Structures are given as structure tokens and as C-alpha cells.
Amino acid sequence: MDVDQLETFLTVLTYGGFHRAAEALHVSQPAVTGRIGALVDSLGVTLFTRSGGKCSISAAGKALRPHAEQILRTVALARKAVHELQPSAVDALRIAASLSLCTYFLPDVIRDYKAAHPRVMVNLRSGESADVLKMVVNGEAEIGVARSLNHPDVETTTLRDDPLILVGHSDHPLAKKHRVEIREVGSWPLIFYDRGGSDWTLSQSIFCRAGFLPNTVLEVETIEAAKRMVERKLGFCFLPQISLVEEIRLRKLVVIKIINVEPLHRTLDVIRPRHRALSVAAQALLQILRVAAGKPASLNRPNRPQLKRPRSAKG
């Protein structure tokens, strides 16, 4: 009994005959007949019966079927395990990140990483913070990049601050006021995005604490959509600082400081599994992330925060 014989036996069952099994296996029909004959001889039983030109499985064949399927599954797993131990011409690095960081932070990071490690194939997947956490914990990604993300099963390293800041079009009449109080902002036309998401909740919270509802004129799904609406002078929006570097530099948008509320603080974090070692490829990415995060992050003046040591994650 060998693997080819068992594979042929199952193929005959699947396709209902020797001729069609031969076509599926890309071998001749005599080859199929020979393999089945050798299997019958090794077992000393009849596996198929013929009646009226039709091929039917015997009782012995029915008994063999689940064991044949199990053997082929085991063989496939064995081949996979051996293959994974062989040196590969191309390594792979799996990363998970929030969609906004995939858009505004990681492109330059991946460019620098690929320049230094051209043989590594990078697999970058995006999702909500909860998705990023799940992918890292489940081993679907070695490293996760998200905001203010802590959990007992991961180590969290803070790279830098990435607050939400209020911005408007530089030509909007209300944007001439660069310092305002929260109650005045609440009467302005405001744009929010991703209802129910962490950014939406954080930006809404300052109005809740002040005791009134904001003047919401537009809700959209994404950061980029909200930014485009602000660029068309439709209103003001609290947006991640990291998403605004070019618009502020070109003076398309201006920052409005709210003088009587605390800044909407968030951190840009890297998470890794607490009990699994990082591959060499992932360690190299972590170094490049640290360098990228150490570049000036402020829109108005240089800001080089020191990298904090990994802290214990909290649920």
C-alpha cells in the first residue's frame, strides 16, 4: 500500500469510475487500474464491484475510505512541516496596522525597510484596533501598529504621541481665530468620521464634558473623506496629527487651539506577542519604526520625544 494507490482509490470514489479518475489524475486508465489492483492485492479484499457497467464501492472499500483520507491528510501535513524548515529564497514579514497608519505612517517606513531588506516580502494587513490586536495575539501578524492599544497578551511600546487636533481651511472665515474656547467651537460647523470609532468617541467626549452637543453638519466614514470635506470649507474636524503634515505645511489647513480643554491625547504604539520571540525580519522593522517615530512629529515646531521602554499592557 502506498500514497499513490490511496490517492487513486479516493479519486475513483470522487469521480465515480476509472476513466474519469484517470483524466483527473492526468494518467492513463491502465495506470489507474494497475494502482487499484496493487492496492487490492496488498489488502487481500475487493474494493469495487461492477454491475451493469457501473462501478460501486464494496463494504471493504467503505471501511478503507476514512483511513485513506486520514493518511493523505497526514502526508500533506508532513510535507508542509518539512517544507517550512527549508531555507526560502524570499522571507516573509506579516504586519497588522490600523487603516489610518497604513495610509499616513507606514508607507515611508516600508520604503526604508524594503531598501534595507529587499529580499523580505512584506504582508501588510489593515483593520480596526481590535482587529490588529486579534491578528497579533493569534499569530497572524508578528507586529501590530495602532494607537493607544494595551492588552495582557501583548507588549506595548509607545513610539510617539499622535493627538487629535482641530483643523479648518485656511480661507474659512472662522479659521482666523487660532485660539478659541470649547463652547465657541461647539457652535461651528463640525465634521466627524467613523461614528462609534475611537476617534469619534474621543472628539465627542470634550463636548460631553462641557455639557452640550456639537453642531454636527456632516458625518463621513474615513479620515481621508473628512479631510477632503474640510479642504472644501464645509466645516472643521478633529483629525489625527499624523494625517495632516502635508496640508499644514502647504497652508491648506490651519490648526485651531482650544484653550480651555485638555488636548485629545493618543499614542502611536507597536504591539508584539508577549510570549513569542520576534523573527530577525520583525526585529529589523521595529528598529526602523523607532527611527521613523523619532522624526519631528509636531506641525509647528520640532518635537523629538524619547522612546519609552515597553510597558506592561493593561486590559
C-alpha atoms as a PDB file:
ATOM      1  CA  MET A   1       0.000   0.000   0.000  1.00  0.00           C
ATOM      2  CA  ASP A   2       1.403   3.413  -0.963  1.00  0.00           C
ATOM      3  CA  VAL A   3       0.245   7.018  -1.197  1.00  0.00           C
ATOM      4  CA  ASP A   4      -0.360   6.935  -4.964  1.00  0.00           C
ATOM      5  CA  GLN A   5      -2.605   3.891  -4.574  1.00  0.00           C
ATOM      6  CA  LEU A   6      -4.675   5.515  -1.832  1.00  0.00           C
ATOM      7  CA  GLU A   7      -4.935   8.791  -3.775  1.00  0.00           C
ATOM      8  CA  THR A   8      -6.120   6.876  -6.837  1.00  0.00           C
ATOM      9  CA  PHE A   9      -8.639   4.917  -4.751  1.00  0.00           C
ATOM     10  CA  LEU A  10     -10.177   8.145  -3.402  1.00  0.00           C
ATOM     11  CA  THR A  11     -10.175   9.741  -6.848  1.00  0.00           C
ATOM     12  CA  VAL A  12     -12.143   6.807  -8.272  1.00  0.00           C
ATOM     13  CA  LEU A  13     -14.676   7.266  -5.499  1.00  0.00           C
ATOM     14  CA  THR A  14     -14.893  11.015  -6.110  1.00  0.00           C
ATOM     15  CA  TYR A  15     -15.348  10.779  -9.894  1.00  0.00           C
ATOM     16  CA  GLY A  16     -17.350   7.540  -9.963  1.00  0.00           C
ATOM     17  CA  GLY A  17     -15.189   5.498 -12.309  1.00  0.00           C
ATOM     18  CA  PHE A  18     -11.724   4.574 -13.525  1.00  0.00           C
ATOM     19  CA  HIS A  19     -11.837   6.556 -16.764  1.00  0.00           C
ATOM     20  CA  ARG A  20     -12.792   9.872 -15.168  1.00  0.00           C
ATOM     21  CA  ALA A  21     -10.314   9.277 -12.346  1.00  0.00           C
ATOM     22  CA  ALA A  22      -7.552   8.827 -14.915  1.00  0.00           C
ATOM     23  CA  GLU A  23      -8.472  12.168 -16.505  1.00  0.00           C
ATOM     24  CA  ALA A  24      -8.448  13.905 -13.132  1.00  0.00           C
ATOM     25  CA  LEU A  25      -5.051  12.446 -12.218  1.00  0.00           C
ATOM     26  CA  HIS A  26      -3.625  13.034 -15.718  1.00  0.00           C
ATOM     27  CA  VAL A  27      -2.584   9.404 -16.079  1.00  0.00           C
ATOM     28  CA  SER A  28      -3.742   6.584 -18.341  1.00  0.00           C
ATOM     29  CA  GLN A  29      -6.681   4.375 -17.430  1.00  0.00           C
ATOM     30  CA  PRO A  30      -4.413   1.273 -17.300  1.00  0.00           C
ATOM     31  CA  ALA A  31      -2.310   3.122 -14.720  1.00  0.00           C
ATOM     32  CA  VAL A  32      -5.399   3.663 -12.557  1.00  0.00           C
ATOM     33  CA  THR A  33      -6.391   0.001 -12.980  1.00  0.00           C
ATOM     34  CA  GLY A  34      -2.861  -1.068 -12.036  1.00  0.00           C
ATOM     35  CA  ARG A  35      -2.789   1.059  -8.862  1.00  0.00           C
ATOM     36  CA  ILE A  36      -6.169  -0.203  -7.701  1.00  0.00           C
ATOM     37  CA  GLY A  37      -5.134  -3.785  -8.500  1.00  0.00           C
ATOM     38  CA  ALA A  38      -1.944  -3.420  -6.451  1.00  0.00           C
ATOM     39  CA  LEU A  39      -3.945  -1.957  -3.536  1.00  0.00           C
ATOM     40  CA  VAL A  40      -6.439  -4.860  -3.729  1.00  0.00           C
ATOM     41  CA  ASP A  41      -3.562  -7.372  -3.729  1.00  0.00           C
ATOM     42  CA  SER A  42      -1.884  -5.761  -0.704  1.00  0.00           C
ATOM     43  CA  LEU A  43      -5.117  -5.772   1.318  1.00  0.00           C
ATOM     44  CA  GLY A  44      -6.485  -9.101   0.065  1.00  0.00           C
ATOM     45  CA  VAL A  45     -10.006  -7.689  -0.354  1.00  0.00           C
ATOM     46  CA  THR A  46     -12.281  -6.436  -3.108  1.00  0.00           C
ATOM     47  CA  LEU A  47     -12.670  -2.634  -3.069  1.00  0.00           C
ATOM     48  CA  PHE A  48     -15.045  -2.160  -6.020  1.00  0.00           C
ATOM     49  CA  THR A  49     -17.790  -4.236  -7.612  1.00  0.00           C
ATOM     50  CA  ARG A  50     -19.126  -3.917 -11.132  1.00  0.00           C
ATOM     51  CA  SER A  51     -22.802  -4.346 -12.000  1.00  0.00           C
ATOM     52  CA  GLY A  52     -24.487  -3.311 -15.193  1.00  0.00           C
ATOM     53  CA  GLY A  53     -21.390  -1.375 -16.324  1.00  0.00           C
ATOM     54  CA  LYS A  54     -21.333   0.649 -13.104  1.00  0.00           C
ATOM     55  CA  CYS A  55     -18.514   0.704 -10.547  1.00  0.00           C
ATOM     56  CA  SER A  56     -19.653   0.573  -6.900  1.00  0.00           C
ATOM     57  CA  ILE A  57     -17.665   0.589  -3.690  1.00  0.00           C
ATOM     58  CA  SER A  58     -17.656  -2.609  -1.631  1.00  0.00           C
ATOM     59  CA  ALA A  59     -18.059  -2.909   2.119  1.00  0.00           C
ATOM     60  CA  ALA A  60     -14.282  -3.216   2.466  1.00  0.00           C
ATOM     61  CA  GLY A  61     -13.859  -0.083   0.342  1.00  0.00           C
ATOM     62  CA  LYS A  62     -16.232   1.842   2.599  1.00  0.00           C
ATOM     63  CA  ALA A  63     -14.204   0.750   5.627  1.00  0.00           C
ATOM     64  CA  LEU A  64     -10.957   1.825   3.970  1.00  0.00           C
ATOM     65  CA  ARG A  65     -12.162   5.261   2.861  1.00  0.00           C
ATOM     66  CA  PRO A  66     -11.890   7.277   6.139  1.00  0.00           C
ATOM     67  CA  HIS A  67      -8.467   5.782   6.867  1.00  0.00           C
ATOM     68  CA  ALA A  68      -7.229   6.617   3.367  1.00  0.00           C
ATOM     69  CA  GLU A  69      -8.434  10.190   3.770  1.00  0.00           C
ATOM     70  CA  GLN A  70      -6.695  10.472   7.142  1.00  0.00           C
ATOM     71  CA  ILE A  71      -3.436   9.077   5.737  1.00  0.00           C
ATOM     72  CA  LEU A  72      -3.426  11.585   2.888  1.00  0.00           C
ATOM     73  CA  ARG A  73      -4.114  14.447   5.310  1.00  0.00           C
ATOM     74  CA  THR A  74      -1.206  13.311   7.484  1.00  0.00           C
ATOM     75  CA  VAL A  75       1.089  13.073   4.464  1.00  0.00           C
ATOM     76  CA  ALA A  76       0.120  16.611   3.405  1.00  0.00           C
ATOM     77  CA  LEU A  77       0.859  17.945   6.897  1.00  0.00           C
ATOM     78  CA  ALA A  78       4.205  16.158   6.952  1.00  0.00           C
ATOM     79  CA  ARG A  79       5.204  17.653   3.611  1.00  0.00           C
ATOM     80  CA  LYS A  80       4.172  21.122   4.829  1.00  0.00           C
ATOM     81  CA  ALA A  81       6.175  20.808   8.047  1.00  0.00           C
ATOM     82  CA  VAL A  82       9.312  19.720   6.214  1.00  0.00           C
ATOM     83  CA  HIS A  83       8.902  22.402   3.560  1.00  0.00           C
ATOM     84  CA  GLU A  84       8.646  25.152   6.182  1.00  0.00           C
ATOM     85  CA  LEU A  85      12.046  24.129   7.602  1.00  0.00           C
ATOM     86  CA  GLN A  86      13.802  24.619   4.284  1.00  0.00           C
ATOM     87  CA  PRO A  87      15.595  27.932   3.636  1.00  0.00           C
ATOM     88  CA  SER A  88      13.453  30.140   1.450  1.00  0.00           C
ATOM     89  CA  ALA A  89      14.655  32.422  -1.314  1.00  0.00           C
ATOM     90  CA  VAL A  90      12.196  35.032  -0.029  1.00  0.00           C
ATOM     91  CA  ASP A  91      11.431  35.615   3.646  1.00  0.00           C
ATOM     92  CA  ALA A  92       8.049  36.982   4.684  1.00  0.00           C
ATOM     93  CA  LEU A  93       7.100  39.528   7.327  1.00  0.00           C
ATOM     94  CA  ARG A  94       3.483  39.858   8.445  1.00  0.00           C
ATOM     95  CA  ILE A  95       2.339  43.196   9.861  1.00  0.00           C
ATOM     96  CA  ALA A  96      -1.066  44.381  11.073  1.00  0.00           C
ATOM     97  CA  ALA A  97      -1.911  48.078  11.370  1.00  0.00           C
ATOM     98  CA  SER A  98      -4.856  50.406  11.668  1.00  0.00           C
ATOM     99  CA  LEU A  99      -6.039  51.746   8.327  1.00  0.00           C
ATOM    100  CA  SER A 100      -5.001  55.339   9.029  1.00  0.00           C
ATOM    101  CA  LEU A 101      -1.462  54.291   9.942  1.00  0.00           C
ATOM    102  CA  CYS A 102      -1.274  52.148   6.801  1.00  0.00           C
ATOM    103  CA  THR A 103      -2.132  55.310   4.886  1.00  0.00           C
ATOM    104  CA  TYR A 104      -0.177  58.059   6.651  1.00  0.00           C
ATOM    105  CA  PHE A 105       2.699  56.480   8.586  1.00  0.00           C
ATOM    106  CA  LEU A 106       3.756  53.107   7.218  1.00  0.00           C
ATOM    107  CA  PRO A 107       4.411  53.882   3.512  1.00  0.00           C
ATOM    108  CA  ASP A 108       7.696  55.670   4.322  1.00  0.00           C
ATOM    109  CA  VAL A 109       8.563  53.025   6.903  1.00  0.00           C
ATOM    110  CA  ILE A 110       8.020  50.189   4.425  1.00  0.00           C
ATOM    111  CA  ARG A 111      10.022  52.091   1.772  1.00  0.00           C
ATOM    112  CA  ASP A 112      13.003  52.344   4.126  1.00  0.00           C
ATOM    113  CA  TYR A 113      12.599  48.744   5.238  1.00  0.00           C
ATOM    114  CA  LYS A 114      12.484  47.377   1.686  1.00  0.00           C
ATOM    115  CA  ALA A 115      15.532  49.434   0.743  1.00  0.00           C
ATOM    116  CA  ALA A 116      17.468  47.757   3.554  1.00  0.00           C
ATOM    117  CA  HIS A 117      15.880  44.295   3.192  1.00  0.00           C
ATOM    118  CA  PRO A 118      14.858  43.809  -0.464  1.00  0.00           C
ATOM    119  CA  ARG A 119      14.547  40.019  -0.125  1.00  0.00           C
ATOM    120  CA  VAL A 120      11.827  40.187   2.520  1.00  0.00           C
ATOM    121  CA  MET A 121       8.245  40.017   1.258  1.00  0.00           C
ATOM    122  CA  VAL A 122       6.046  42.247   3.438  1.00  0.00           C
ATOM    123  CA  ASN A 123       2.414  41.297   4.054  1.00  0.00           C
ATOM    124  CA  LEU A 124       0.597  44.323   5.492  1.00  0.00           C
ATOM    125  CA  ARG A 125      -2.996  43.875   6.683  1.00  0.00           C
ATOM    126  CA  SER A 126      -5.226  46.639   7.997  1.00  0.00           C
ATOM    127  CA  GLY A 127      -8.219  46.817  10.308  1.00  0.00           C
ATOM    128  CA  GLU A 128      -9.666  48.411  13.403  1.00  0.00           C
ATOM    129  CA  SER A 129      -7.572  48.394  16.592  1.00  0.00           C
ATOM    130  CA  ALA A 130      -9.416  45.293  17.811  1.00  0.00           C
ATOM    131  CA  ASP A 131      -8.576  43.540  14.521  1.00  0.00           C
ATOM    132  CA  VAL A 132      -4.898  44.476  14.846  1.00  0.00           C
ATOM    133  CA  LEU A 133      -4.806  43.091  18.383  1.00  0.00           C
ATOM    134  CA  LYS A 134      -6.523  39.858  17.330  1.00  0.00           C
ATOM    135  CA  MET A 135      -4.112  39.289  14.429  1.00  0.00           C
ATOM    136  CA  VAL A 136      -1.081  39.724  16.696  1.00  0.00           C
ATOM    137  CA  VAL A 137      -2.438  37.573  19.524  1.00  0.00           C
ATOM    138  CA  ASN A 138      -3.480  34.800  17.103  1.00  0.00           C
ATOM    139  CA  GLY A 139      -0.108  34.775  15.354  1.00  0.00           C
ATOM    140  CA  GLU A 140      -1.446  36.109  12.066  1.00  0.00           C
ATOM    141  CA  ALA A 141       0.945  39.062  12.355  1.00  0.00           C
ATOM    142  CA  GLU A 142       4.286  39.396  14.141  1.00  0.00           C
ATOM    143  CA  ILE A 143       3.949  43.109  14.805  1.00  0.00           C
ATOM    144  CA  GLY A 144       0.944  45.403  15.126  1.00  0.00           C
ATOM    145  CA  VAL A 145       0.920  49.190  14.756  1.00  0.00           C
ATOM    146  CA  ALA A 146      -2.044  51.028  16.269  1.00  0.00           C
ATOM    147  CA  ARG A 147      -2.986  53.804  18.664  1.00  0.00           C
ATOM    148  CA  SER A 148      -3.196  53.565  22.461  1.00  0.00           C
ATOM    149  CA  LEU A 149      -3.546  49.779  22.378  1.00  0.00           C
ATOM    150  CA  ASN A 150      -2.900  47.741  25.550  1.00  0.00           C
ATOM    151  CA  HIS A 151      -3.712  44.140  26.399  1.00  0.00           C
ATOM    152  CA  PRO A 152      -2.305  41.484  28.781  1.00  0.00           C
ATOM    153  CA  ASP A 153      -1.231  39.214  25.902  1.00  0.00           C
ATOM    154  CA  VAL A 154       0.982  41.781  24.169  1.00  0.00           C
ATOM    155  CA  GLU A 155       3.932  44.030  24.912  1.00  0.00           C
ATOM    156  CA  THR A 156       3.221  47.636  24.001  1.00  0.00           C
ATOM    157  CA  THR A 157       5.946  50.108  23.034  1.00  0.00           C
ATOM    158  CA  THR A 158       4.950  53.738  22.614  1.00  0.00           C
ATOM    159  CA  LEU A 159       6.702  55.363  19.677  1.00  0.00           C
ATOM    160  CA  ARG A 160       5.328  58.891  19.975  1.00  0.00           C
ATOM    161  CA  ASP A 161       2.240  60.998  20.563  1.00  0.00           C
ATOM    162  CA  ASP A 162      -0.347  61.367  17.806  1.00  0.00           C
ATOM    163  CA  PRO A 163      -3.108  63.631  19.174  1.00  0.00           C
ATOM    164  CA  LEU A 164      -6.360  64.569  17.510  1.00  0.00           C
ATOM    165  CA  ILE A 165      -6.260  68.260  16.549  1.00  0.00           C
ATOM    166  CA  LEU A 166      -8.954  70.613  15.296  1.00  0.00           C
ATOM    167  CA  VAL A 167      -8.315  71.933  11.784  1.00  0.00           C
ATOM    168  CA  GLY A 168     -10.107  74.086   9.245  1.00  0.00           C
ATOM    169  CA  HIS A 169      -9.489  75.516   5.799  1.00  0.00           C
ATOM    170  CA  SER A 170      -7.110  78.475   5.917  1.00  0.00           C
ATOM    171  CA  ASP A 171      -9.616  80.630   3.988  1.00  0.00           C
ATOM    172  CA  HIS A 172     -12.615  79.800   6.161  1.00  0.00           C
ATOM    173  CA  PRO A 173     -13.763  82.994   7.965  1.00  0.00           C
ATOM    174  CA  LEU A 174     -13.812  81.245  11.348  1.00  0.00           C
ATOM    175  CA  ALA A 175     -10.282  79.899  10.876  1.00  0.00           C
ATOM    176  CA  LYS A 176      -8.852  83.369  11.516  1.00  0.00           C
ATOM    177  CA  LYS A 177      -9.337  82.604  15.212  1.00  0.00           C
ATOM    178  CA  HIS A 178      -6.410  80.387  16.089  1.00  0.00           C
ATOM    179  CA  ARG A 179      -7.289  80.234  19.831  1.00  0.00           C
ATOM    180  CA  VAL A 180     -10.897  79.673  20.910  1.00  0.00           C
ATOM    181  CA  GLU A 181     -12.944  78.221  23.771  1.00  0.00           C
ATOM    182  CA  ILE A 182     -14.812  74.934  23.504  1.00  0.00           C
ATOM    183  CA  ARG A 183     -18.283  76.500  23.643  1.00  0.00           C
ATOM    184  CA  GLU A 184     -17.495  78.646  20.625  1.00  0.00           C
ATOM    185  CA  VAL A 185     -16.158  75.629  18.726  1.00  0.00           C
ATOM    186  CA  GLY A 186     -19.367  73.780  19.536  1.00  0.00           C
ATOM    187  CA  SER A 187     -21.344  76.305  17.506  1.00  0.00           C
ATOM    188  CA  TRP A 188     -19.074  75.970  14.452  1.00  0.00           C
ATOM    189  CA  PRO A 189     -19.947  73.600  11.577  1.00  0.00           C
ATOM    190  CA  LEU A 190     -18.237  70.350  12.586  1.00  0.00           C
ATOM    191  CA  ILE A 191     -17.429  67.232  10.602  1.00  0.00           C
ATOM    192  CA  PHE A 192     -16.994  63.831  12.262  1.00  0.00           C
ATOM    193  CA  TYR A 193     -15.939  60.470  10.877  1.00  0.00           C
ATOM    194  CA  ASP A 194     -16.247  56.765  11.753  1.00  0.00           C
ATOM    195  CA  ARG A 195     -19.240  57.041  14.101  1.00  0.00           C
ATOM    196  CA  GLY A 196     -18.670  54.862  17.151  1.00  0.00           C
ATOM    197  CA  GLY A 197     -14.926  54.509  16.486  1.00  0.00           C
ATOM    198  CA  SER A 198     -12.222  55.561  18.937  1.00  0.00           C
ATOM    199  CA  ASP A 199     -11.542  58.907  17.232  1.00  0.00           C
ATOM    200  CA  TRP A 200     -15.248  59.731  17.073  1.00  0.00           C
ATOM    201  CA  THR A 201     -15.696  58.864  20.744  1.00  0.00           C
ATOM    202  CA  LEU A 202     -12.657  60.875  21.819  1.00  0.00           C
ATOM    203  CA  SER A 203     -13.637  64.003  19.889  1.00  0.00           C
ATOM    204  CA  GLN A 204     -17.256  63.827  21.084  1.00  0.00           C
ATOM    205  CA  SER A 205     -16.113  63.466  24.688  1.00  0.00           C
ATOM    206  CA  ILE A 206     -14.865  67.052  25.047  1.00  0.00           C
ATOM    207  CA  PHE A 207     -18.336  68.380  24.228  1.00  0.00           C
ATOM    208  CA  CYS A 208     -19.996  65.900  26.596  1.00  0.00           C
ATOM    209  CA  ARG A 209     -17.720  67.045  29.416  1.00  0.00           C
ATOM    210  CA  ALA A 210     -18.548  70.670  28.595  1.00  0.00           C
ATOM    211  CA  GLY A 211     -22.253  69.852  28.851  1.00  0.00           C
ATOM    212  CA  PHE A 212     -23.548  70.406  25.315  1.00  0.00           C
ATOM    213  CA  LEU A 213     -23.769  68.777  21.897  1.00  0.00           C
ATOM    214  CA  PRO A 214     -21.583  69.876  18.968  1.00  0.00           C
ATOM    215  CA  ASN A 215     -23.039  71.395  15.807  1.00  0.00           C
ATOM    216  CA  THR A 216     -22.523  68.380  13.543  1.00  0.00           C
ATOM    217  CA  VAL A 217     -23.107  69.262   9.888  1.00  0.00           C
ATOM    218  CA  LEU A 218     -21.570  66.219   8.231  1.00  0.00           C
ATOM    219  CA  GLU A 219     -20.569  62.651   9.077  1.00  0.00           C
ATOM    220  CA  VAL A 220     -18.358  60.502   6.847  1.00  0.00           C
ATOM    221  CA  GLU A 221     -16.689  57.115   7.159  1.00  0.00           C
ATOM    222  CA  THR A 222     -12.954  57.778   6.818  1.00  0.00           C
ATOM    223  CA  ILE A 223     -10.249  60.240   7.843  1.00  0.00           C
ATOM    224  CA  GLU A 224      -9.411  60.980   4.231  1.00  0.00           C
ATOM    225  CA  ALA A 225     -13.034  61.757   3.374  1.00  0.00           C
ATOM    226  CA  ALA A 226     -13.303  64.092   6.376  1.00  0.00           C
ATOM    227  CA  LYS A 227     -10.115  65.875   5.393  1.00  0.00           C
ATOM    228  CA  ARG A 228     -11.364  66.426   1.848  1.00  0.00           C
ATOM    229  CA  MET A 229     -14.579  67.933   3.209  1.00  0.00           C
ATOM    230  CA  VAL A 230     -12.580  70.341   5.375  1.00  0.00           C
ATOM    231  CA  GLU A 231     -10.489  71.297   2.355  1.00  0.00           C
ATOM    232  CA  ARG A 232     -13.719  72.304   0.633  1.00  0.00           C
ATOM    233  CA  LYS A 233     -14.603  74.652   3.513  1.00  0.00           C
ATOM    234  CA  LEU A 234     -17.585  72.571   4.625  1.00  0.00           C
ATOM    235  CA  GLY A 235     -16.574  72.686   8.271  1.00  0.00           C
ATOM    236  CA  PHE A 236     -13.962  71.884  10.903  1.00  0.00           C
ATOM    237  CA  CYS A 237     -12.796  68.453  12.050  1.00  0.00           C
ATOM    238  CA  PHE A 238     -10.706  66.772  14.744  1.00  0.00           C
ATOM    239  CA  LEU A 239      -8.136  64.757  12.774  1.00  0.00           C
ATOM    240  CA  PRO A 240      -5.009  62.731  13.667  1.00  0.00           C
ATOM    241  CA  GLN A 241      -1.936  64.925  13.595  1.00  0.00           C
ATOM    242  CA  ILE A 242      -0.047  62.341  11.558  1.00  0.00           C
ATOM    243  CA  SER A 243      -2.583  62.665   8.706  1.00  0.00           C
ATOM    244  CA  LEU A 244      -2.123  66.433   8.326  1.00  0.00           C
ATOM    245  CA  VAL A 245       1.603  67.043   7.829  1.00  0.00           C
ATOM    246  CA  GLU A 246       1.453  67.991   4.148  1.00  0.00           C
ATOM    247  CA  GLU A 247      -1.762  70.000   4.387  1.00  0.00           C
ATOM    248  CA  ILE A 248      -0.380  72.094   7.250  1.00  0.00           C
ATOM    249  CA  ARG A 249       2.990  72.542   5.564  1.00  0.00           C
ATOM    250  CA  LEU A 250       1.284  73.816   2.419  1.00  0.00           C
ATOM    251  CA  ARG A 251      -1.076  76.006   4.475  1.00  0.00           C
ATOM    252  CA  LYS A 252      -4.147  74.318   3.048  1.00  0.00           C
ATOM    253  CA  LEU A 253      -5.386  73.696   6.578  1.00  0.00           C
ATOM    254  CA  VAL A 254      -4.723  75.506   9.843  1.00  0.00           C
ATOM    255  CA  VAL A 255      -4.702  74.280  13.435  1.00  0.00           C
ATOM    256  CA  ILE A 256      -7.251  75.736  15.866  1.00  0.00           C
ATOM    257  CA  LYS A 257      -6.201  75.567  19.528  1.00  0.00           C
ATOM    258  CA  ILE A 258      -8.949  75.113  22.092  1.00  0.00           C
ATOM    259  CA  ILE A 259      -7.678  76.942  25.151  1.00  0.00           C
ATOM    260  CA  ASN A 260      -9.961  75.647  27.907  1.00  0.00           C
ATOM    261  CA  VAL A 261      -9.874  71.844  27.351  1.00  0.00           C
ATOM    262  CA  GLU A 262      -7.172  69.214  27.625  1.00  0.00           C
ATOM    263  CA  PRO A 263      -5.631  68.094  24.299  1.00  0.00           C
ATOM    264  CA  LEU A 264      -7.091  64.931  22.799  1.00  0.00           C
ATOM    265  CA  HIS A 265      -4.124  62.730  23.664  1.00  0.00           C
ATOM    266  CA  ARG A 266      -3.319  59.450  21.896  1.00  0.00           C
ATOM    267  CA  THR A 267      -0.140  57.455  21.369  1.00  0.00           C
ATOM    268  CA  LEU A 268       1.247  55.664  18.340  1.00  0.00           C
ATOM    269  CA  ASP A 269       2.111  52.180  19.597  1.00  0.00           C
ATOM    270  CA  VAL A 270       3.767  48.995  18.410  1.00  0.00           C
ATOM    271  CA  ILE A 271       2.494  45.735  19.861  1.00  0.00           C
ATOM    272  CA  ARG A 272       4.131  42.315  19.794  1.00  0.00           C
ATOM    273  CA  PRO A 273       3.201  38.924  21.304  1.00  0.00           C
ATOM    274  CA  ARG A 274       4.286  38.695  24.927  1.00  0.00           C
ATOM    275  CA  HIS A 275       5.378  35.056  24.779  1.00  0.00           C
ATOM    276  CA  ARG A 276       6.697  34.685  21.226  1.00  0.00           C
ATOM    277  CA  ALA A 277      10.127  35.786  20.012  1.00  0.00           C
ATOM    278  CA  LEU A 278      10.278  38.120  17.021  1.00  0.00           C
ATOM    279  CA  SER A 279      11.915  36.952  13.815  1.00  0.00           C
ATOM    280  CA  VAL A 280      15.034  38.705  12.558  1.00  0.00           C
ATOM    281  CA  ALA A 281      12.891  40.421   9.897  1.00  0.00           C
ATOM    282  CA  ALA A 282      10.456  41.745  12.521  1.00  0.00           C
ATOM    283  CA  GLN A 283      13.278  42.978  14.764  1.00  0.00           C
ATOM    284  CA  ALA A 284      14.701  44.948  11.846  1.00  0.00           C
ATOM    285  CA  LEU A 285      11.297  46.537  11.184  1.00  0.00           C
ATOM    286  CA  LEU A 286      10.988  47.511  14.837  1.00  0.00           C
ATOM    287  CA  GLN A 287      14.260  49.429  14.616  1.00  0.00           C
ATOM    288  CA  ILE A 288      13.081  51.320  11.527  1.00  0.00           C
ATOM    289  CA  LEU A 289       9.764  52.117  13.235  1.00  0.00           C
ATOM    290  CA  ARG A 290      11.685  53.639  16.132  1.00  0.00           C
ATOM    291  CA  VAL A 291      13.757  55.786  13.802  1.00  0.00           C
ATOM    292  CA  ALA A 292      10.693  56.929  11.844  1.00  0.00           C
ATOM    293  CA  ALA A 293       8.805  57.804  15.012  1.00  0.00           C
ATOM    294  CA  GLY A 294      11.763  59.816  16.315  1.00  0.00           C
ATOM    295  CA  LYS A 295      11.486  62.299  13.444  1.00  0.00           C
ATOM    296  CA  PRO A 296       9.772  65.652  14.149  1.00  0.00           C
ATOM    297  CA  ALA A 297       6.106  64.961  14.810  1.00  0.00           C
ATOM    298  CA  SER A 298       4.847  68.467  15.589  1.00  0.00           C
ATOM    299  CA  LEU A 299       3.255  70.538  12.885  1.00  0.00           C
ATOM    300  CA  ASN A 300       4.555  73.801  14.344  1.00  0.00           C
ATOM    301  CA  ARG A 301       7.940  73.052  15.909  1.00  0.00           C
ATOM    302  CA  PRO A 302      10.435  70.163  16.137  1.00  0.00           C
ATOM    303  CA  ASN A 303       9.434  67.516  18.607  1.00  0.00           C
ATOM    304  CA  ARG A 304      11.640  64.536  19.270  1.00  0.00           C
ATOM    305  CA  PRO A 305      10.136  62.525  22.107  1.00  0.00           C
ATOM    306  CA  GLN A 306      12.269  59.892  23.759  1.00  0.00           C
ATOM    307  CA  LEU A 307      11.207  56.327  23.088  1.00  0.00           C
ATOM    308  CA  LYS A 308       9.565  54.895  26.150  1.00  0.00           C
ATOM    309  CA  ARG A 309      10.522  51.481  27.380  1.00  0.00           C
ATOM    310  CA  PRO A 310       7.999  48.716  26.696  1.00  0.00           C
ATOM    311  CA  ARG A 311       5.341  48.907  29.374  1.00  0.00           C
ATOM    312  CA  SER A 312       3.129  46.264  30.800  1.00  0.00           C
ATOM    313  CA  ALA A 313      -0.112  46.112  28.823  1.00  0.00           C
ATOM    314  CA  LYS A 314      -3.346  46.548  30.664  1.00  0.00           C
ATOM    315  CA  GLY A 315      -6.751  45.223  29.634  1.00  0.00           C
END
